[in-house]
Amino acid sequence: MSITLVNLILAAVVLVLGIWAYARKQSKAGLLVGVAFGLFAVAHLLTLLGMATTLNTLLILIRVLGYVAAMAAVYRLGTQR
């Protein structure tokens, strides 16, 4: 089992948990974390499908958006009252 496959599985689990947290508690931060890891899962899937070389720029964009979503979630948590 490759590390990319492990990362894909774990990222998908966090995506599901983020959606669950939003559905249960209306936690926008939880949803943002889920979205971030969903984007990471897409990047891992494209890598596993052998498209990393041809879609290099797109993969960078997907990962940057994932990190931005994660940062927004942490900021949201940090500014809550």
PDB file of N, CA and C in Angstrom:
ATOM      1  N   MET A   1       0.850  -1.175   0.000  1.00  0.00           N
ATOM      2  CA  MET A   1       0.000   0.000   0.000  1.00  0.00           C
ATOM      3  C   MET A   1       0.898   1.242   0.000  1.00  0.00           C
ATOM      4  N   SER A   2       0.626   2.148  -0.913  1.00  0.00           N
ATOM      5  CA  SER A   2       1.470   3.340  -1.025  1.00  0.00           C
ATOM      6  C   SER A   2       1.012   4.423  -0.054  1.00  0.00           C
ATOM      7  N   ILE A   3       1.912   5.325   0.242  1.00  0.00           N
ATOM      8  CA  ILE A   3       1.602   6.426   1.151  1.00  0.00           C
ATOM      9  C   ILE A   3       0.526   7.326   0.559  1.00  0.00           C
ATOM     10  N   THR A   4       0.500   7.452  -0.755  1.00  0.00           N
ATOM     11  CA  THR A   4      -0.519   8.290  -1.392  1.00  0.00           C
ATOM     12  C   THR A   4      -1.901   7.696  -1.199  1.00  0.00           C
ATOM     13  N   LEU A   5      -2.001   6.371  -1.254  1.00  0.00           N
ATOM     14  CA  LEU A   5      -3.287   5.709  -1.024  1.00  0.00           C
ATOM     15  C   LEU A   5      -3.728   5.890   0.429  1.00  0.00           C
ATOM     16  N   VAL A   6      -2.791   5.762   1.350  1.00  0.00           N
ATOM     17  CA  VAL A   6      -3.104   5.980   2.765  1.00  0.00           C
ATOM     18  C   VAL A   6      -3.585   7.416   2.972  1.00  0.00           C
ATOM     19  N   ASN A   7      -2.900   8.378   2.369  1.00  0.00           N
ATOM     20  CA  ASN A   7      -3.298   9.782   2.471  1.00  0.00           C
ATOM     21  C   ASN A   7      -4.690  10.006   1.890  1.00  0.00           C
ATOM     22  N   LEU A   8      -4.990   9.370   0.767  1.00  0.00           N
ATOM     23  CA  LEU A   8      -6.307   9.494   0.138  1.00  0.00           C
ATOM     24  C   LEU A   8      -7.394   8.990   1.088  1.00  0.00           C
ATOM     25  N   ILE A   9      -7.180   7.825   1.665  1.00  0.00           N
ATOM     26  CA  ILE A   9      -8.175   7.239   2.570  1.00  0.00           C
ATOM     27  C   ILE A   9      -8.389   8.130   3.791  1.00  0.00           C
ATOM     28  N   LEU A  10      -7.293   8.569   4.405  1.00  0.00           N
ATOM     29  CA  LEU A  10      -7.411   9.420   5.593  1.00  0.00           C
ATOM     30  C   LEU A  10      -8.061  10.764   5.272  1.00  0.00           C
ATOM     31  N   ALA A  11      -7.719  11.352   4.146  1.00  0.00           N
ATOM     32  CA  ALA A  11      -8.317  12.626   3.751  1.00  0.00           C
ATOM     33  C   ALA A  11      -9.815  12.461   3.503  1.00  0.00           C
ATOM     34  N   ALA A  12     -10.205  11.343   2.905  1.00  0.00           N
ATOM     35  CA  ALA A  12     -11.630  11.086   2.662  1.00  0.00           C
ATOM     36  C   ALA A  12     -12.384  10.920   3.978  1.00  0.00           C
ATOM     37  N   VAL A  13     -11.749  10.272   4.953  1.00  0.00           N
ATOM     38  CA  VAL A  13     -12.382  10.103   6.273  1.00  0.00           C
ATOM     39  C   VAL A  13     -12.589  11.470   6.934  1.00  0.00           C
ATOM     40  N   VAL A  14     -11.584  12.337   6.868  1.00  0.00           N
ATOM     41  CA  VAL A  14     -11.713  13.668   7.462  1.00  0.00           C
ATOM     42  C   VAL A  14     -12.791  14.476   6.729  1.00  0.00           C
ATOM     43  N   LEU A  15     -12.891  14.317   5.422  1.00  0.00           N
ATOM     44  CA  LEU A  15     -13.953  14.974   4.657  1.00  0.00           C
ATOM     45  C   LEU A  15     -15.322  14.563   5.185  1.00  0.00           C
ATOM     46  N   VAL A  16     -15.528  13.269   5.355  1.00  0.00           N
ATOM     47  CA  VAL A  16     -16.807  12.761   5.853  1.00  0.00           C
ATOM     48  C   VAL A  16     -17.079  13.279   7.265  1.00  0.00           C
ATOM     49  N   LEU A  17     -16.059  13.282   8.112  1.00  0.00           N
ATOM     50  CA  LEU A  17     -16.230  13.788   9.476  1.00  0.00           C
ATOM     51  C   LEU A  17     -16.554  15.289   9.492  1.00  0.00           C
ATOM     52  N   GLY A  18     -15.962  16.034   8.587  1.00  0.00           N
ATOM     53  CA  GLY A  18     -16.262  17.465   8.495  1.00  0.00           C
ATOM     54  C   GLY A  18     -17.700  17.715   8.077  1.00  0.00           C
ATOM     55  N   ILE A  19     -18.182  16.936   7.131  1.00  0.00           N
ATOM     56  CA  ILE A  19     -19.576  17.051   6.705  1.00  0.00           C
ATOM     57  C   ILE A  19     -20.506  16.642   7.849  1.00  0.00           C
ATOM     58  N   TRP A  20     -20.133  15.584   8.554  1.00  0.00           N
ATOM     59  CA  TRP A  20     -20.924  15.116   9.694  1.00  0.00           C
ATOM     60  C   TRP A  20     -20.987  16.189  10.785  1.00  0.00           C
ATOM     61  N   ALA A  21     -19.843  16.826  11.088  1.00  0.00           N
ATOM     62  CA  ALA A  21     -19.797  17.871  12.113  1.00  0.00           C
ATOM     63  C   ALA A  21     -20.689  19.045  11.725  1.00  0.00           C
ATOM     64  N   TYR A  22     -20.681  19.382  10.439  1.00  0.00           N
ATOM     65  CA  TYR A  22     -21.525  20.484   9.983  1.00  0.00           C
ATOM     66  C   TYR A  22     -23.002  20.111  10.097  1.00  0.00           C
ATOM     67  N   ALA A  23     -23.333  18.894   9.688  1.00  0.00           N
ATOM     68  CA  ALA A  23     -24.730  18.456   9.739  1.00  0.00           C
ATOM     69  C   ALA A  23     -25.239  18.371  11.180  1.00  0.00           C
ATOM     70  N   ARG A  24     -24.373  17.977  12.073  1.00  0.00           N
ATOM     71  CA  ARG A  24     -24.777  17.769  13.466  1.00  0.00           C
ATOM     72  C   ARG A  24     -24.791  19.063  14.281  1.00  0.00           C
ATOM     73  N   LYS A  25     -23.772  19.889  14.120  1.00  0.00           N
ATOM     74  CA  LYS A  25     -23.614  21.076  14.980  1.00  0.00           C
ATOM     75  C   LYS A  25     -23.613  22.403  14.217  1.00  0.00           C
ATOM     76  N   GLN A  26     -23.848  22.341  12.906  1.00  0.00           N
ATOM     77  CA  GLN A  26     -23.762  23.545  12.066  1.00  0.00           C
ATOM     78  C   GLN A  26     -22.404  24.221  12.199  1.00  0.00           C
ATOM     79  N   SER A  27     -21.345  23.403  12.341  1.00  0.00           N
ATOM     80  CA  SER A  27     -19.992  23.912  12.515  1.00  0.00           C
ATOM     81  C   SER A  27     -19.374  24.240  11.157  1.00  0.00           C
ATOM     82  N   LYS A  28     -19.311  25.534  10.877  1.00  0.00           N
ATOM     83  CA  LYS A  28     -18.708  25.942   9.606  1.00  0.00           C
ATOM     84  C   LYS A  28     -17.217  25.649   9.584  1.00  0.00           C
ATOM     85  N   ALA A  29     -16.574  25.723  10.743  1.00  0.00           N
ATOM     86  CA  ALA A  29     -15.150  25.388  10.812  1.00  0.00           C
ATOM     87  C   ALA A  29     -14.955  23.910  10.492  1.00  0.00           C
ATOM     88  N   GLY A  30     -15.820  23.062  11.025  1.00  0.00           N
ATOM     89  CA  GLY A  30     -15.746  21.632  10.715  1.00  0.00           C
ATOM     90  C   GLY A  30     -15.933  21.373   9.237  1.00  0.00           C
ATOM     91  N   LEU A  31     -16.868  22.093   8.634  1.00  0.00           N
ATOM     92  CA  LEU A  31     -17.099  21.949   7.193  1.00  0.00           C
ATOM     93  C   LEU A  31     -15.885  22.412   6.397  1.00  0.00           C
ATOM     94  N   LEU A  32     -15.280  23.520   6.815  1.00  0.00           N
ATOM     95  CA  LEU A  32     -14.092  24.016   6.115  1.00  0.00           C
ATOM     96  C   LEU A  32     -12.935  23.016   6.199  1.00  0.00           C
ATOM     97  N   VAL A  33     -12.771  22.388   7.347  1.00  0.00           N
ATOM     98  CA  VAL A  33     -11.732  21.357   7.478  1.00  0.00           C
ATOM     99  C   VAL A  33     -12.055  20.197   6.541  1.00  0.00           C
ATOM    100  N   GLY A  34     -13.326  19.805   6.500  1.00  0.00           N
ATOM    101  CA  GLY A  34     -13.725  18.736   5.588  1.00  0.00           C
ATOM    102  C   GLY A  34     -13.459  19.082   4.136  1.00  0.00           C
ATOM    103  N   VAL A  35     -13.789  20.307   3.751  1.00  0.00           N
ATOM    104  CA  VAL A  35     -13.542  20.755   2.376  1.00  0.00           C
ATOM    105  C   VAL A  35     -12.044  20.743   2.076  1.00  0.00           C
ATOM    106  N   ALA A  36     -11.243  21.218   3.022  1.00  0.00           N
ATOM    107  CA  ALA A  36      -9.790  21.227   2.825  1.00  0.00           C
ATOM    108  C   ALA A  36      -9.278  19.813   2.550  1.00  0.00           C
ATOM    109  N   PHE A  37      -9.688  18.883   3.387  1.00  0.00           N
ATOM    110  CA  PHE A  37      -9.211  17.522   3.205  1.00  0.00           C
ATOM    111  C   PHE A  37      -9.841  16.851   1.994  1.00  0.00           C
ATOM    112  N   GLY A  38     -11.036  17.289   1.603  1.00  0.00           N
ATOM    113  CA  GLY A  38     -11.621  16.811   0.352  1.00  0.00           C
ATOM    114  C   GLY A  38     -10.771  17.226  -0.841  1.00  0.00           C
ATOM    115  N   LEU A  39     -10.274  18.460  -0.795  1.00  0.00           N
ATOM    116  CA  LEU A  39      -9.376  18.928  -1.861  1.00  0.00           C
ATOM    117  C   LEU A  39      -8.073  18.134  -1.857  1.00  0.00           C
ATOM    118  N   PHE A  40      -7.543  17.858  -0.659  1.00  0.00           N
ATOM    119  CA  PHE A  40      -6.332  17.041  -0.583  1.00  0.00           C
ATOM    120  C   PHE A  40      -6.600  15.645  -1.139  1.00  0.00           C
ATOM    121  N   ALA A  41      -7.788  15.098  -0.871  1.00  0.00           N
ATOM    122  CA  ALA A  41      -8.147  13.770  -1.384  1.00  0.00           C
ATOM    123  C   ALA A  41      -8.178  13.770  -2.916  1.00  0.00           C
ATOM    124  N   VAL A  42      -8.708  14.835  -3.494  1.00  0.00           N
ATOM    125  CA  VAL A  42      -8.732  14.944  -4.966  1.00  0.00           C
ATOM    126  C   VAL A  42      -7.308  14.947  -5.510  1.00  0.00           C
ATOM    127  N   ALA A  43      -6.424  15.701  -4.864  1.00  0.00           N
ATOM    128  CA  ALA A  43      -5.027  15.751  -5.307  1.00  0.00           C
ATOM    129  C   ALA A  43      -4.372  14.371  -5.196  1.00  0.00           C
ATOM    130  N   HIS A  44      -4.645  13.656  -4.113  1.00  0.00           N
ATOM    131  CA  HIS A  44      -4.077  12.313  -3.951  1.00  0.00           C
ATOM    132  C   HIS A  44      -4.628  11.351  -5.003  1.00  0.00           C
ATOM    133  N   LEU A  45      -5.917  11.468  -5.286  1.00  0.00           N
ATOM    134  CA  LEU A  45      -6.534  10.594  -6.288  1.00  0.00           C
ATOM    135  C   LEU A  45      -5.931  10.838  -7.667  1.00  0.00           C
ATOM    136  N   LEU A  46      -5.775  12.100  -8.036  1.00  0.00           N
ATOM    137  CA  LEU A  46      -5.172  12.411  -9.340  1.00  0.00           C
ATOM    138  C   LEU A  46      -3.742  11.884  -9.419  1.00  0.00           C
ATOM    139  N   THR A  47      -3.026  11.942  -8.314  1.00  0.00           N
ATOM    140  CA  THR A  47      -1.669  11.403  -8.279  1.00  0.00           C
ATOM    141  C   THR A  47      -1.695   9.889  -8.464  1.00  0.00           C
ATOM    142  N   LEU A  48      -2.608   9.216  -7.764  1.00  0.00           N
ATOM    143  CA  LEU A  48      -2.709   7.757  -7.898  1.00  0.00           C
ATOM    144  C   LEU A  48      -3.113   7.331  -9.308  1.00  0.00           C
ATOM    145  N   LEU A  49      -3.884   8.166  -9.979  1.00  0.00           N
ATOM    146  CA  LEU A  49      -4.313   7.858 -11.348  1.00  0.00           C
ATOM    147  C   LEU A  49      -3.235   8.171 -12.381  1.00  0.00           C
ATOM    148  N   GLY A  50      -2.086   8.634 -11.898  1.00  0.00           N
ATOM    149  CA  GLY A  50      -0.963   8.895 -12.794  1.00  0.00           C
ATOM    150  C   GLY A  50      -1.057  10.210 -13.541  1.00  0.00           C
ATOM    151  N   MET A  51      -1.833  11.125 -13.036  1.00  0.00           N
ATOM    152  CA  MET A  51      -2.023  12.394 -13.730  1.00  0.00           C
ATOM    153  C   MET A  51      -1.219  13.537 -13.124  1.00  0.00           C
ATOM    154  N   ALA A  52      -0.363  13.221 -12.165  1.00  0.00           N
ATOM    155  CA  ALA A  52       0.378  14.263 -11.450  1.00  0.00           C
ATOM    156  C   ALA A  52       1.299  15.050 -12.378  1.00  0.00           C
ATOM    157  N   THR A  53       1.904  14.388 -13.321  1.00  0.00           N
ATOM    158  CA  THR A  53       2.855  15.090 -14.195  1.00  0.00           C
ATOM    159  C   THR A  53       2.143  16.045 -15.141  1.00  0.00           C
ATOM    160  N   THR A  54       1.046  15.585 -15.726  1.00  0.00           N
ATOM    161  CA  THR A  54       0.358  16.426 -16.709  1.00  0.00           C
ATOM    162  C   THR A  54      -0.484  17.518 -16.044  1.00  0.00           C
ATOM    163  N   LEU A  55      -0.915  17.282 -14.804  1.00  0.00           N
ATOM    164  CA  LEU A  55      -1.769  18.247 -14.111  1.00  0.00           C
ATOM    165  C   LEU A  55      -1.047  18.920 -12.944  1.00  0.00           C
ATOM    166  N   ASN A  56       0.246  19.087 -13.074  1.00  0.00           N
ATOM    167  CA  ASN A  56       1.060  19.627 -11.988  1.00  0.00           C
ATOM    168  C   ASN A  56       0.549  20.981 -11.492  1.00  0.00           C
ATOM    169  N   THR A  57       0.267  21.892 -12.394  1.00  0.00           N
ATOM    170  CA  THR A  57      -0.202  23.220 -12.005  1.00  0.00           C
ATOM    171  C   THR A  57      -1.558  23.129 -11.311  1.00  0.00           C
ATOM    172  N   LEU A  58      -2.452  22.304 -11.832  1.00  0.00           N
ATOM    173  CA  LEU A  58      -3.758  22.117 -11.211  1.00  0.00           C
ATOM    174  C   LEU A  58      -3.624  21.518  -9.814  1.00  0.00           C
ATOM    175  N   LEU A  59      -2.719  20.565  -9.643  1.00  0.00           N
ATOM    176  CA  LEU A  59      -2.505  19.963  -8.326  1.00  0.00           C
ATOM    177  C   LEU A  59      -1.989  20.988  -7.325  1.00  0.00           C
ATOM    178  N   ILE A  60      -1.131  21.871  -7.768  1.00  0.00           N
ATOM    179  CA  ILE A  60      -0.644  22.934  -6.884  1.00  0.00           C
ATOM    180  C   ILE A  60      -1.812  23.822  -6.471  1.00  0.00           C
ATOM    181  N   LEU A  61      -2.653  24.195  -7.415  1.00  0.00           N
ATOM    182  CA  LEU A  61      -3.810  25.036  -7.123  1.00  0.00           C
ATOM    183  C   LEU A  61      -4.763  24.346  -6.144  1.00  0.00           C
ATOM    184  N   ILE A  62      -5.042  23.068  -6.375  1.00  0.00           N
ATOM    185  CA  ILE A  62      -5.932  22.307  -5.493  1.00  0.00           C
ATOM    186  C   ILE A  62      -5.367  22.277  -4.074  1.00  0.00           C
ATOM    187  N   ARG A  63      -4.085  22.011  -3.954  1.00  0.00           N
ATOM    188  CA  ARG A  63      -3.471  21.946  -2.618  1.00  0.00           C
ATOM    189  C   ARG A  63      -3.446  23.311  -1.932  1.00  0.00           C
ATOM    190  N   VAL A  64      -3.161  24.364  -2.689  1.00  0.00           N
ATOM    191  CA  VAL A  64      -3.168  25.709  -2.110  1.00  0.00           C
ATOM    192  C   VAL A  64      -4.574  26.046  -1.609  1.00  0.00           C
ATOM    193  N   LEU A  65      -5.602  25.726  -2.392  1.00  0.00           N
ATOM    194  CA  LEU A  65      -6.975  25.969  -1.956  1.00  0.00           C
ATOM    195  C   LEU A  65      -7.307  25.163  -0.700  1.00  0.00           C
ATOM    196  N   GLY A  66      -6.795  23.940  -0.626  1.00  0.00           N
ATOM    197  CA  GLY A  66      -6.989  23.125   0.568  1.00  0.00           C
ATOM    198  C   GLY A  66      -6.372  23.769   1.794  1.00  0.00           C
ATOM    199  N   TYR A  67      -5.154  24.273   1.646  1.00  0.00           N
ATOM    200  CA  TYR A  67      -4.501  24.941   2.773  1.00  0.00           C
ATOM    201  C   TYR A  67      -5.224  26.224   3.154  1.00  0.00           C
ATOM    202  N   VAL A  68      -5.727  26.952   2.178  1.00  0.00           N
ATOM    203  CA  VAL A  68      -6.483  28.171   2.474  1.00  0.00           C
ATOM    204  C   VAL A  68      -7.759  27.829   3.249  1.00  0.00           C
ATOM    205  N   ALA A  69      -8.440  26.759   2.853  1.00  0.00           N
ATOM    206  CA  ALA A  69      -9.648  26.335   3.573  1.00  0.00           C
ATOM    207  C   ALA A  69      -9.301  25.924   5.009  1.00  0.00           C
ATOM    208  N   ALA A  70      -8.195  25.215   5.191  1.00  0.00           N
ATOM    209  CA  ALA A  70      -7.772  24.815   6.535  1.00  0.00           C
ATOM    210  C   ALA A  70      -7.423  26.044   7.374  1.00  0.00           C
ATOM    211  N   MET A  71      -6.738  27.020   6.779  1.00  0.00           N
ATOM    212  CA  MET A  71      -6.395  28.243   7.509  1.00  0.00           C
ATOM    213  C   MET A  71      -7.648  29.016   7.889  1.00  0.00           C
ATOM    214  N   ALA A  72      -8.623  29.053   6.996  1.00  0.00           N
ATOM    215  CA  ALA A  72      -9.881  29.750   7.298  1.00  0.00           C
ATOM    216  C   ALA A  72     -10.599  29.068   8.461  1.00  0.00           C
ATOM    217  N   ALA A  73     -10.554  27.747   8.501  1.00  0.00           N
ATOM    218  CA  ALA A  73     -11.184  27.012   9.601  1.00  0.00           C
ATOM    219  C   ALA A  73     -10.509  27.333  10.927  1.00  0.00           C
ATOM    220  N   VAL A  74      -9.189  27.332  10.941  1.00  0.00           N
ATOM    221  CA  VAL A  74      -8.455  27.630  12.172  1.00  0.00           C
ATOM    222  C   VAL A  74      -8.694  29.078  12.596  1.00  0.00           C
ATOM    223  N   TYR A  75      -8.707  29.992  11.656  1.00  0.00           N
ATOM    224  CA  TYR A  75      -8.989  31.390  11.967  1.00  0.00           C
ATOM    225  C   TYR A  75     -10.381  31.533  12.568  1.00  0.00           C
ATOM    226  N   ARG A  76     -11.335  30.831  11.957  1.00  0.00           N
ATOM    227  CA  ARG A  76     -12.719  30.875  12.453  1.00  0.00           C
ATOM    228  C   ARG A  76     -12.782  30.365  13.895  1.00  0.00           C
ATOM    229  N   LEU A  77     -12.088  29.272  14.162  1.00  0.00           N
ATOM    230  CA  LEU A  77     -12.058  28.738  15.521  1.00  0.00           C
ATOM    231  C   LEU A  77     -11.393  29.709  16.499  1.00  0.00           C
ATOM    232  N   GLY A  78     -10.345  30.359  16.036  1.00  0.00           N
ATOM    233  CA  GLY A  78      -9.612  31.282  16.886  1.00  0.00           C
ATOM    234  C   GLY A  78     -10.337  32.577  17.182  1.00  0.00           C
ATOM    235  N   THR A  79     -11.293  32.947  16.351  1.00  0.00           N
ATOM    236  CA  THR A  79     -12.006  34.203  16.545  1.00  0.00           C
ATOM    237  C   THR A  79     -13.406  34.002  17.106  1.00  0.00           C
ATOM    238  N   GLN A  80     -13.773  32.756  17.396  1.00  0.00           N
ATOM    239  CA  GLN A  80     -15.084  32.502  18.006  1.00  0.00           C
ATOM    240  C   GLN A  80     -15.108  33.015  19.431  1.00  0.00           C
ATOM    241  N   ARG A  81     -16.268  33.403  19.878  1.00  0.00           N
ATOM    242  CA  ARG A  81     -16.415  33.850  21.273  1.00  0.00           C
ATOM    243  C   ARG A  81     -16.844  32.724  22.140  1.00  0.00           C
TER     244      ARG A  81
END
